[in-house]
Amino acid sequence: MTAHPRPIADAVPDGAPAEFAEAMSALASGVVLVTSRLGDRPWGTTVTAFASVSADPPTVLVSLDSEGTSARAIAAAGSFGVSILAADQRALARYASAPGATKFLESFAEAGEEAGTSPVVAGALAHLECKVVGAVQVADHTVFFGRVSAARASSDGAPLLYHRRAYRTLGGPARAHPPTGRSLRCLTS
């Protein structure tokens, strides 16, 4: 006989968000900056609710506060970027996660970006350029599905992680040289 998990509605009764948040803090997550443009300025917000959906075609998802600046900018533009943060980028992660604060990225984004692309975080382990192919509102968040049109990755470096409400690392050596230049490989023709 196969055991079936109880539905979430039974496992977490209404009014128990603190217990839910505590349980979810046990899950270690990679830390990414979801980037977009606000006017002509680079903008980003720190996110741990990010995942790969499919490798063929390459598709990812990100969950954002529906009323937040990033969600509104992405919905309007129909595109976003994802920069996967390195272990030495804690200060940036904190900056872009401050509730209610502006999160302009001029001092963190790579220079010489092409028009129409999402801002790329300098020194990130990887960056994905995404076109929105779907969006679903769930509770107070919107889950955006993005088809990855271009990607690049550094060949070395340790990731920044989030676990038990704190930024952490794997304990390996930090990257000696951050990637330079903007050379995104096109994934679609």
N, C-alpha and C. Protein backbone atom coordinates (compact mmCIF):
# COMPACT_ATOMS: atom_id res chain seq x y z
N MET A 1 0.83 -1.17 0.00
CA MET A 1 0.00 0.00 0.00
C MET A 1 0.89 1.24 0.00
N THR A 2 0.57 2.21 -0.87
CA THR A 2 1.34 3.44 -0.99
C THR A 2 0.77 4.51 -0.08
N ALA A 3 1.64 5.13 0.68
CA ALA A 3 1.21 6.24 1.54
C ALA A 3 1.07 7.49 0.69
N HIS A 4 0.00 8.23 0.89
CA HIS A 4 -0.22 9.48 0.17
C HIS A 4 -0.10 10.65 1.12
N PRO A 5 0.64 11.68 0.71
CA PRO A 5 0.75 12.85 1.59
C PRO A 5 -0.59 13.53 1.75
N ARG A 6 -0.79 14.11 2.92
CA ARG A 6 -2.03 14.85 3.14
C ARG A 6 -2.01 16.12 2.31
N PRO A 7 -3.15 16.56 1.84
CA PRO A 7 -3.20 17.83 1.11
C PRO A 7 -2.71 18.97 2.00
N ILE A 8 -2.12 19.98 1.38
CA ILE A 8 -1.55 21.10 2.15
C ILE A 8 -2.63 21.79 2.99
N ALA A 9 -3.85 21.79 2.51
CA ALA A 9 -4.94 22.43 3.28
C ALA A 9 -5.13 21.73 4.63
N ASP A 10 -4.90 20.42 4.68
CA ASP A 10 -5.02 19.69 5.94
C ASP A 10 -3.75 19.82 6.78
N ALA A 11 -2.59 19.90 6.11
CA ALA A 11 -1.33 19.93 6.82
C ALA A 11 -1.04 21.28 7.46
N VAL A 12 -1.47 22.36 6.83
CA VAL A 12 -1.25 23.70 7.37
C VAL A 12 -2.59 24.39 7.47
N PRO A 13 -3.20 24.39 8.65
CA PRO A 13 -4.51 25.01 8.79
C PRO A 13 -4.44 26.52 8.57
N ASP A 14 -5.57 27.09 8.17
CA ASP A 14 -5.64 28.54 8.01
C ASP A 14 -5.16 29.20 9.29
N GLY A 15 -4.43 30.30 9.13
CA GLY A 15 -3.94 31.01 10.31
C GLY A 15 -2.63 30.48 10.84
N ALA A 16 -1.95 29.57 10.10
CA ALA A 16 -0.69 29.01 10.57
C ALA A 16 0.48 29.38 9.66
N PRO A 17 0.55 30.64 9.19
CA PRO A 17 1.66 30.99 8.30
C PRO A 17 3.02 30.92 8.98
N ALA A 18 3.09 31.14 10.28
CA ALA A 18 4.38 31.08 10.98
C ALA A 18 4.94 29.66 10.95
N GLU A 19 4.09 28.67 11.15
CA GLU A 19 4.54 27.28 11.10
C GLU A 19 4.97 26.90 9.69
N PHE A 20 4.23 27.37 8.70
CA PHE A 20 4.59 27.12 7.31
C PHE A 20 5.94 27.75 6.99
N ALA A 21 6.14 29.02 7.36
CA ALA A 21 7.39 29.71 7.09
C ALA A 21 8.56 29.00 7.77
N GLU A 22 8.35 28.53 8.98
CA GLU A 22 9.41 27.81 9.70
C GLU A 22 9.77 26.52 8.98
N ALA A 23 8.77 25.78 8.55
CA ALA A 23 9.03 24.53 7.81
C ALA A 23 9.77 24.81 6.51
N MET A 24 9.37 25.84 5.78
CA MET A 24 10.01 26.15 4.50
C MET A 24 11.44 26.66 4.68
N SER A 25 11.76 27.23 5.84
CA SER A 25 13.11 27.72 6.07
C SER A 25 14.12 26.57 6.13
N ALA A 26 13.63 25.34 6.28
CA ALA A 26 14.51 24.17 6.31
C ALA A 26 15.04 23.82 4.93
N LEU A 27 14.41 24.35 3.89
CA LEU A 27 14.83 24.07 2.52
C LEU A 27 15.92 25.05 2.10
N ALA A 28 17.11 24.54 1.81
CA ALA A 28 18.19 25.39 1.31
C ALA A 28 17.89 25.72 -0.15
N SER A 29 18.01 26.99 -0.50
CA SER A 29 17.72 27.45 -1.86
C SER A 29 18.87 28.25 -2.40
N GLY A 30 19.05 28.19 -3.71
CA GLY A 30 19.97 29.08 -4.37
C GLY A 30 19.38 30.48 -4.36
N VAL A 31 20.21 31.49 -4.44
CA VAL A 31 19.75 32.88 -4.42
C VAL A 31 19.99 33.48 -5.80
N VAL A 32 18.93 34.07 -6.34
CA VAL A 32 19.03 34.72 -7.65
C VAL A 32 18.51 36.14 -7.56
N LEU A 33 18.94 36.94 -8.51
CA LEU A 33 18.37 38.27 -8.67
C LEU A 33 17.55 38.23 -9.95
N VAL A 34 16.26 38.50 -9.83
CA VAL A 34 15.40 38.61 -10.99
C VAL A 34 15.50 40.05 -11.45
N THR A 35 15.91 40.25 -12.70
CA THR A 35 16.18 41.59 -13.19
C THR A 35 15.19 42.01 -14.27
N SER A 36 14.98 43.30 -14.32
CA SER A 36 14.08 43.89 -15.32
C SER A 36 14.50 45.35 -15.46
N ARG A 37 13.73 46.07 -16.22
CA ARG A 37 14.00 47.50 -16.38
C ARG A 37 12.80 48.27 -15.83
N LEU A 38 13.10 49.32 -15.12
CA LEU A 38 12.08 50.23 -14.61
C LEU A 38 12.38 51.55 -15.30
N GLY A 39 11.58 51.85 -16.32
CA GLY A 39 11.94 52.95 -17.21
C GLY A 39 13.16 52.48 -17.98
N ASP A 40 14.20 53.25 -17.97
CA ASP A 40 15.45 52.84 -18.62
C ASP A 40 16.49 52.37 -17.61
N ARG A 41 16.11 52.22 -16.36
CA ARG A 41 17.06 51.88 -15.32
C ARG A 41 17.01 50.39 -14.97
N PRO A 42 18.17 49.78 -14.69
CA PRO A 42 18.18 48.38 -14.28
C PRO A 42 17.62 48.22 -12.87
N TRP A 43 16.79 47.21 -12.69
CA TRP A 43 16.12 46.94 -11.42
C TRP A 43 16.24 45.45 -11.13
N GLY A 44 16.31 45.10 -9.86
CA GLY A 44 16.37 43.68 -9.51
C GLY A 44 15.85 43.42 -8.13
N THR A 45 15.39 42.21 -7.93
CA THR A 45 14.92 41.80 -6.61
C THR A 45 15.43 40.40 -6.29
N THR A 46 15.83 40.20 -5.05
CA THR A 46 16.35 38.91 -4.60
C THR A 46 15.22 37.91 -4.46
N VAL A 47 15.46 36.71 -4.97
CA VAL A 47 14.43 35.67 -4.98
C VAL A 47 15.07 34.32 -4.67
N THR A 48 14.37 33.49 -3.91
CA THR A 48 14.76 32.09 -3.74
C THR A 48 13.72 31.17 -4.37
N ALA A 49 12.55 31.71 -4.71
CA ALA A 49 11.48 30.92 -5.34
C ALA A 49 11.70 30.93 -6.85
N PHE A 50 12.68 30.14 -7.29
CA PHE A 50 13.09 30.06 -8.68
C PHE A 50 13.40 28.60 -8.97
N ALA A 51 13.01 28.12 -10.16
CA ALA A 51 13.27 26.72 -10.50
C ALA A 51 13.31 26.52 -12.01
N SER A 52 14.01 25.49 -12.41
CA SER A 52 13.99 25.03 -13.79
C SER A 52 12.70 24.24 -13.99
N VAL A 53 12.02 24.47 -15.11
CA VAL A 53 10.79 23.75 -15.41
C VAL A 53 11.06 22.67 -16.45
N SER A 54 11.81 23.02 -17.50
CA SER A 54 12.05 22.10 -18.61
C SER A 54 13.39 22.43 -19.26
N ALA A 55 14.07 21.39 -19.75
CA ALA A 55 15.31 21.62 -20.49
C ALA A 55 15.04 21.75 -21.99
N ASP A 56 13.91 21.23 -22.46
CA ASP A 56 13.60 21.27 -23.89
C ASP A 56 12.12 21.53 -24.10
N PRO A 57 11.73 22.76 -24.38
CA PRO A 57 12.58 23.94 -24.51
C PRO A 57 12.97 24.47 -23.13
N PRO A 58 14.12 25.14 -23.04
CA PRO A 58 14.57 25.63 -21.74
C PRO A 58 13.57 26.64 -21.16
N THR A 59 13.04 26.28 -19.98
CA THR A 59 12.00 27.10 -19.35
C THR A 59 12.24 27.11 -17.84
N VAL A 60 12.04 28.28 -17.24
CA VAL A 60 12.20 28.44 -15.80
C VAL A 60 10.94 29.08 -15.23
N LEU A 61 10.84 29.08 -13.90
CA LEU A 61 9.76 29.82 -13.25
C LEU A 61 10.32 30.62 -12.09
N VAL A 62 9.63 31.72 -11.81
CA VAL A 62 9.97 32.56 -10.69
C VAL A 62 8.67 33.05 -10.07
N SER A 63 8.63 33.11 -8.74
CA SER A 63 7.45 33.57 -8.03
C SER A 63 7.75 34.91 -7.37
N LEU A 64 6.88 35.91 -7.68
CA LEU A 64 7.07 37.26 -7.16
C LEU A 64 5.78 37.79 -6.56
N ASP A 65 5.91 38.67 -5.59
CA ASP A 65 4.76 39.36 -5.00
C ASP A 65 4.00 40.07 -6.13
N SER A 66 2.74 39.75 -6.31
CA SER A 66 1.94 40.29 -7.42
C SER A 66 1.88 41.81 -7.42
N GLU A 67 1.93 42.42 -6.25
CA GLU A 67 1.84 43.88 -6.15
C GLU A 67 3.21 44.55 -6.16
N GLY A 68 4.27 43.76 -6.24
CA GLY A 68 5.61 44.33 -6.20
C GLY A 68 6.03 44.98 -7.51
N THR A 69 7.01 45.84 -7.41
CA THR A 69 7.53 46.56 -8.58
C THR A 69 8.04 45.61 -9.64
N SER A 70 8.77 44.56 -9.24
CA SER A 70 9.33 43.62 -10.22
C SER A 70 8.23 42.91 -11.00
N ALA A 71 7.21 42.42 -10.32
CA ALA A 71 6.13 41.71 -11.00
C ALA A 71 5.43 42.62 -12.00
N ARG A 72 5.19 43.86 -11.62
CA ARG A 72 4.53 44.80 -12.54
C ARG A 72 5.42 45.10 -13.74
N ALA A 73 6.72 45.30 -13.51
CA ALA A 73 7.65 45.59 -14.61
C ALA A 73 7.76 44.41 -15.57
N ILE A 74 7.82 43.21 -15.04
CA ILE A 74 7.93 42.01 -15.88
C ILE A 74 6.65 41.79 -16.67
N ALA A 75 5.51 41.97 -16.04
CA ALA A 75 4.23 41.81 -16.74
C ALA A 75 4.13 42.81 -17.90
N ALA A 76 4.58 44.03 -17.67
CA ALA A 76 4.51 45.05 -18.72
C ALA A 76 5.50 44.78 -19.85
N ALA A 77 6.71 44.34 -19.53
CA ALA A 77 7.75 44.14 -20.54
C ALA A 77 7.64 42.80 -21.25
N GLY A 78 7.11 41.79 -20.56
CA GLY A 78 7.04 40.45 -21.14
C GLY A 78 8.37 39.73 -21.15
N SER A 79 9.31 40.20 -20.33
CA SER A 79 10.62 39.55 -20.27
C SER A 79 11.26 39.83 -18.92
N PHE A 80 12.27 39.03 -18.59
CA PHE A 80 13.03 39.23 -17.36
C PHE A 80 14.36 38.50 -17.48
N GLY A 81 15.26 38.81 -16.57
CA GLY A 81 16.54 38.11 -16.49
C GLY A 81 16.66 37.44 -15.14
N VAL A 82 17.54 36.47 -15.07
CA VAL A 82 17.84 35.80 -13.81
C VAL A 82 19.35 35.70 -13.69
N SER A 83 19.92 36.35 -12.69
CA SER A 83 21.34 36.24 -12.41
C SER A 83 21.50 35.39 -11.16
N ILE A 84 22.21 34.28 -11.29
CA ILE A 84 22.44 33.36 -10.17
C ILE A 84 23.63 33.88 -9.39
N LEU A 85 23.40 34.23 -8.11
CA LEU A 85 24.41 34.93 -7.33
C LEU A 85 25.50 34.01 -6.79
N ALA A 86 26.69 34.59 -6.71
CA ALA A 86 27.87 33.91 -6.17
C ALA A 86 27.96 34.13 -4.67
N ALA A 87 28.74 33.29 -4.02
CA ALA A 87 28.88 33.33 -2.56
C ALA A 87 29.33 34.69 -2.05
N ASP A 88 30.10 35.43 -2.84
CA ASP A 88 30.61 36.72 -2.39
C ASP A 88 29.64 37.87 -2.67
N GLN A 89 28.39 37.58 -3.01
CA GLN A 89 27.42 38.62 -3.34
C GLN A 89 26.31 38.77 -2.29
N ARG A 90 26.63 38.49 -1.04
CA ARG A 90 25.65 38.64 0.04
C ARG A 90 25.14 40.06 0.17
N ALA A 91 26.03 41.04 0.07
CA ALA A 91 25.62 42.45 0.23
C ALA A 91 24.60 42.82 -0.85
N LEU A 92 24.81 42.38 -2.07
CA LEU A 92 23.85 42.63 -3.14
C LEU A 92 22.53 41.94 -2.85
N ALA A 93 22.57 40.69 -2.39
CA ALA A 93 21.34 39.96 -2.07
C ALA A 93 20.54 40.70 -0.99
N ARG A 94 21.22 41.20 0.01
CA ARG A 94 20.55 41.96 1.08
C ARG A 94 19.96 43.26 0.53
N TYR A 95 20.74 43.97 -0.28
CA TYR A 95 20.28 45.22 -0.88
C TYR A 95 18.99 45.01 -1.67
N ALA A 96 18.95 43.97 -2.49
CA ALA A 96 17.81 43.75 -3.38
C ALA A 96 16.68 42.99 -2.72
N SER A 97 16.80 42.72 -1.42
CA SER A 97 15.71 42.04 -0.72
C SER A 97 15.04 42.94 0.32
N ALA A 98 15.51 44.16 0.47
CA ALA A 98 14.96 45.07 1.48
C ALA A 98 13.51 45.42 1.14
N PRO A 99 12.56 45.08 2.01
CA PRO A 99 11.15 45.37 1.73
C PRO A 99 10.90 46.87 1.57
N GLY A 100 10.21 47.23 0.51
CA GLY A 100 9.80 48.60 0.28
C GLY A 100 10.89 49.54 -0.21
N ALA A 101 12.13 49.06 -0.30
CA ALA A 101 13.24 49.91 -0.74
C ALA A 101 13.37 49.88 -2.26
N THR A 102 13.96 50.93 -2.81
CA THR A 102 14.26 50.91 -4.24
C THR A 102 15.39 49.93 -4.47
N LYS A 103 15.38 49.29 -5.63
CA LYS A 103 16.36 48.25 -5.92
C LYS A 103 16.98 48.46 -7.30
N PHE A 104 17.38 49.72 -7.57
CA PHE A 104 18.05 50.01 -8.82
C PHE A 104 19.45 49.41 -8.79
N LEU A 105 19.90 48.89 -9.92
CA LEU A 105 21.13 48.10 -9.96
C LEU A 105 22.29 48.74 -10.70
N GLU A 106 22.27 50.04 -10.95
CA GLU A 106 23.35 50.65 -11.74
C GLU A 106 24.74 50.25 -11.24
N SER A 107 24.95 50.25 -9.93
CA SER A 107 26.28 49.96 -9.40
C SER A 107 26.60 48.47 -9.38
N PHE A 108 25.63 47.61 -9.71
CA PHE A 108 25.86 46.16 -9.70
C PHE A 108 25.77 45.53 -11.08
N ALA A 109 25.17 46.23 -12.05
CA ALA A 109 24.96 45.65 -13.38
C ALA A 109 26.18 45.83 -14.26
N GLU A 110 26.35 44.90 -15.18
CA GLU A 110 27.43 45.01 -16.15
C GLU A 110 27.18 46.19 -17.07
N ALA A 111 28.23 46.84 -17.46
CA ALA A 111 28.14 47.97 -18.39
C ALA A 111 28.02 47.43 -19.82
N GLY A 112 27.55 48.30 -20.72
CA GLY A 112 27.48 47.94 -22.12
C GLY A 112 26.39 46.96 -22.48
N GLU A 113 25.29 47.00 -21.76
CA GLU A 113 24.18 46.08 -22.04
C GLU A 113 23.49 46.47 -23.33
N GLU A 114 23.00 45.47 -24.02
CA GLU A 114 22.26 45.69 -25.26
C GLU A 114 20.85 46.19 -24.94
N ALA A 115 20.33 47.05 -25.80
CA ALA A 115 18.96 47.54 -25.62
C ALA A 115 17.99 46.37 -25.71
N GLY A 116 16.99 46.37 -24.85
CA GLY A 116 15.97 45.33 -24.88
C GLY A 116 16.31 44.08 -24.09
N THR A 117 17.49 44.03 -23.49
CA THR A 117 17.83 42.87 -22.68
C THR A 117 17.71 43.21 -21.21
N SER A 118 17.63 42.18 -20.40
CA SER A 118 17.55 42.39 -18.96
C SER A 118 18.92 42.73 -18.41
N PRO A 119 18.97 43.45 -17.31
CA PRO A 119 20.26 43.75 -16.68
C PRO A 119 20.95 42.47 -16.23
N VAL A 120 22.26 42.42 -16.39
CA VAL A 120 23.08 41.29 -15.96
C VAL A 120 23.89 41.73 -14.75
N VAL A 121 23.84 40.96 -13.69
CA VAL A 121 24.60 41.28 -12.48
C VAL A 121 26.07 40.91 -12.70
N ALA A 122 26.94 41.89 -12.55
CA ALA A 122 28.39 41.65 -12.69
C ALA A 122 28.84 40.65 -11.64
N GLY A 123 29.61 39.66 -12.06
CA GLY A 123 30.14 38.66 -11.13
C GLY A 123 29.20 37.52 -10.81
N ALA A 124 28.00 37.50 -11.39
CA ALA A 124 27.07 36.40 -11.13
C ALA A 124 27.63 35.10 -11.71
N LEU A 125 27.22 33.97 -11.13
CA LEU A 125 27.67 32.67 -11.63
C LEU A 125 27.08 32.35 -13.00
N ALA A 126 25.86 32.83 -13.24
CA ALA A 126 25.18 32.58 -14.51
C ALA A 126 24.11 33.63 -14.70
N HIS A 127 23.69 33.80 -15.95
CA HIS A 127 22.59 34.72 -16.26
C HIS A 127 21.74 34.10 -17.35
N LEU A 128 20.42 34.19 -17.17
CA LEU A 128 19.44 33.70 -18.15
C LEU A 128 18.61 34.87 -18.64
N GLU A 129 18.41 34.95 -19.93
CA GLU A 129 17.53 35.94 -20.55
C GLU A 129 16.23 35.22 -20.87
N CYS A 130 15.09 35.72 -20.36
CA CYS A 130 13.83 34.99 -20.45
C CYS A 130 12.70 35.82 -21.05
N LYS A 131 11.88 35.19 -21.86
CA LYS A 131 10.65 35.79 -22.38
C LYS A 131 9.49 35.12 -21.65
N VAL A 132 8.56 35.91 -21.15
CA VAL A 132 7.42 35.36 -20.41
C VAL A 132 6.53 34.57 -21.38
N VAL A 133 6.27 33.31 -21.02
CA VAL A 133 5.39 32.46 -21.83
C VAL A 133 4.13 32.08 -21.06
N GLY A 134 4.03 32.51 -19.82
CA GLY A 134 2.85 32.25 -19.01
C GLY A 134 3.00 32.89 -17.65
N ALA A 135 1.87 33.16 -17.03
CA ALA A 135 1.85 33.72 -15.69
C ALA A 135 0.59 33.23 -15.00
N VAL A 136 0.74 32.84 -13.75
CA VAL A 136 -0.38 32.34 -12.96
C VAL A 136 -0.36 33.04 -11.61
N GLN A 137 -1.48 33.63 -11.23
CA GLN A 137 -1.56 34.25 -9.92
C GLN A 137 -2.02 33.20 -8.92
N VAL A 138 -1.26 33.05 -7.84
CA VAL A 138 -1.57 32.11 -6.77
C VAL A 138 -1.43 32.87 -5.46
N ALA A 139 -2.53 32.95 -4.71
CA ALA A 139 -2.55 33.71 -3.46
C ALA A 139 -2.07 35.14 -3.75
N ASP A 140 -1.05 35.62 -3.05
CA ASP A 140 -0.58 37.00 -3.25
C ASP A 140 0.64 37.08 -4.16
N HIS A 141 0.96 35.99 -4.86
CA HIS A 141 2.12 35.95 -5.75
C HIS A 141 1.71 35.62 -7.19
N THR A 142 2.57 36.02 -8.12
CA THR A 142 2.42 35.63 -9.52
C THR A 142 3.62 34.77 -9.88
N VAL A 143 3.33 33.60 -10.45
CA VAL A 143 4.38 32.72 -10.94
C VAL A 143 4.54 33.00 -12.43
N PHE A 144 5.72 33.49 -12.80
CA PHE A 144 6.04 33.77 -14.20
C PHE A 144 6.83 32.59 -14.76
N PHE A 145 6.41 32.11 -15.92
CA PHE A 145 7.14 31.08 -16.63
C PHE A 145 7.91 31.77 -17.74
N GLY A 146 9.21 31.54 -17.81
CA GLY A 146 10.04 32.21 -18.79
C GLY A 146 10.76 31.23 -19.69
N ARG A 147 10.62 31.42 -21.00
CA ARG A 147 11.39 30.64 -21.97
C ARG A 147 12.76 31.28 -22.07
N VAL A 148 13.80 30.50 -21.84
CA VAL A 148 15.16 31.02 -21.84
C VAL A 148 15.62 31.17 -23.29
N SER A 149 15.92 32.40 -23.66
CA SER A 149 16.36 32.66 -25.03
C SER A 149 17.87 32.77 -25.13
N ALA A 150 18.55 33.03 -24.03
CA ALA A 150 20.01 33.11 -24.01
C ALA A 150 20.49 32.80 -22.61
N ALA A 151 21.68 32.20 -22.53
CA ALA A 151 22.24 31.84 -21.22
C ALA A 151 23.75 31.90 -21.28
N ARG A 152 24.32 32.19 -20.13
CA ARG A 152 25.77 32.11 -19.99
C ARG A 152 26.08 31.70 -18.56
N ALA A 153 27.23 31.07 -18.38
CA ALA A 153 27.61 30.62 -17.05
C ALA A 153 29.11 30.74 -16.88
N SER A 154 29.52 31.00 -15.65
CA SER A 154 30.93 31.00 -15.28
C SER A 154 31.34 29.55 -15.10
N SER A 155 32.59 29.25 -15.35
CA SER A 155 33.05 27.86 -15.20
C SER A 155 33.49 27.55 -13.76
N ASP A 156 33.49 28.55 -12.90
CA ASP A 156 33.89 28.31 -11.52
C ASP A 156 33.14 29.24 -10.58
N GLY A 157 33.32 29.02 -9.30
CA GLY A 157 32.67 29.87 -8.29
C GLY A 157 31.69 29.07 -7.46
N ALA A 158 31.47 29.54 -6.26
CA ALA A 158 30.54 28.90 -5.33
C ALA A 158 29.25 29.70 -5.28
N PRO A 159 28.11 29.01 -5.10
CA PRO A 159 26.82 29.71 -5.07
C PRO A 159 26.52 30.32 -3.72
N LEU A 160 25.66 31.33 -3.74
CA LEU A 160 25.09 31.88 -2.51
C LEU A 160 23.82 31.09 -2.23
N LEU A 161 23.65 30.66 -1.00
CA LEU A 161 22.49 29.88 -0.59
C LEU A 161 21.71 30.62 0.50
N TYR A 162 20.46 30.21 0.68
CA TYR A 162 19.62 30.76 1.75
C TYR A 162 19.02 29.59 2.50
N HIS A 163 19.26 29.54 3.82
CA HIS A 163 18.78 28.44 4.64
C HIS A 163 18.56 28.94 6.06
N ARG A 164 17.42 28.59 6.62
CA ARG A 164 17.08 29.01 8.00
C ARG A 164 17.19 30.52 8.17
N ARG A 165 16.68 31.25 7.15
CA ARG A 165 16.61 32.72 7.18
C ARG A 165 17.97 33.41 7.21
N ALA A 166 18.99 32.74 6.67
CA ALA A 166 20.33 33.34 6.62
C ALA A 166 21.01 32.96 5.31
N TYR A 167 21.87 33.86 4.82
CA TYR A 167 22.66 33.56 3.63
C TYR A 167 23.81 32.66 4.06
N ARG A 168 24.09 31.67 3.24
CA ARG A 168 25.13 30.69 3.55
C ARG A 168 25.89 30.34 2.27
N THR A 169 26.99 29.64 2.44
CA THR A 169 27.77 29.16 1.30
C THR A 169 28.06 27.68 1.50
N LEU A 170 28.59 27.07 0.47
CA LEU A 170 28.96 25.66 0.55
C LEU A 170 30.26 25.46 1.30
N GLY A 171 31.00 26.54 1.53
CA GLY A 171 32.27 26.44 2.23
C GLY A 171 33.44 26.21 1.30
N GLY A 172 33.19 26.12 0.00
CA GLY A 172 34.27 25.96 -0.97
C GLY A 172 34.93 27.28 -1.26
N PRO A 173 35.99 27.26 -2.01
CA PRO A 173 36.69 28.50 -2.33
C PRO A 173 35.83 29.41 -3.20
N ALA A 174 35.96 30.69 -2.97
CA ALA A 174 35.23 31.67 -3.78
C ALA A 174 35.91 31.81 -5.13
N ARG A 175 35.18 32.24 -6.09
CA ARG A 175 35.69 32.45 -7.44
C ARG A 175 36.80 33.50 -7.40
N ALA A 176 37.88 33.24 -8.10
CA ALA A 176 39.00 34.17 -8.14
C ALA A 176 38.74 35.31 -9.11
N HIS A 177 38.14 35.03 -10.25
CA HIS A 177 37.92 36.04 -11.27
C HIS A 177 36.47 35.97 -11.75
N PRO A 178 35.70 37.04 -11.55
CA PRO A 178 34.31 37.03 -12.03
C PRO A 178 34.29 37.05 -13.56
N PRO A 179 33.20 36.50 -14.17
CA PRO A 179 33.11 36.55 -15.62
C PRO A 179 33.05 38.00 -16.09
N THR A 180 33.62 38.26 -17.24
CA THR A 180 33.59 39.61 -17.79
C THR A 180 32.94 39.59 -19.15
N GLY A 181 32.47 40.76 -19.57
CA GLY A 181 31.83 40.87 -20.88
C GLY A 181 30.45 40.26 -20.89
N ARG A 182 29.75 40.52 -21.96
CA ARG A 182 28.38 40.01 -22.07
C ARG A 182 28.35 39.12 -23.31
N SER A 183 28.45 37.82 -23.10
CA SER A 183 28.42 36.90 -24.23
C SER A 183 27.36 35.84 -23.98
N LEU A 184 26.12 36.23 -24.18
CA LEU A 184 25.02 35.29 -24.00
C LEU A 184 24.89 34.43 -25.24
N ARG A 185 24.77 33.14 -25.04
CA ARG A 185 24.58 32.23 -26.16
C ARG A 185 23.10 32.13 -26.44
N CYS A 186 22.72 32.35 -27.70
CA CYS A 186 21.31 32.31 -28.09
C CYS A 186 20.85 30.86 -28.08
N LEU A 187 19.74 30.59 -27.42
CA LEU A 187 19.21 29.24 -27.35
C LEU A 187 18.10 28.99 -28.36
N THR A 188 17.61 30.04 -28.98
CA THR A 188 16.57 29.88 -29.98
C THR A 188 17.03 30.54 -31.28
N SER A 189 16.57 30.03 -32.37
CA SER A 189 16.97 30.63 -33.66
C SER A 189 15.84 31.39 -34.28
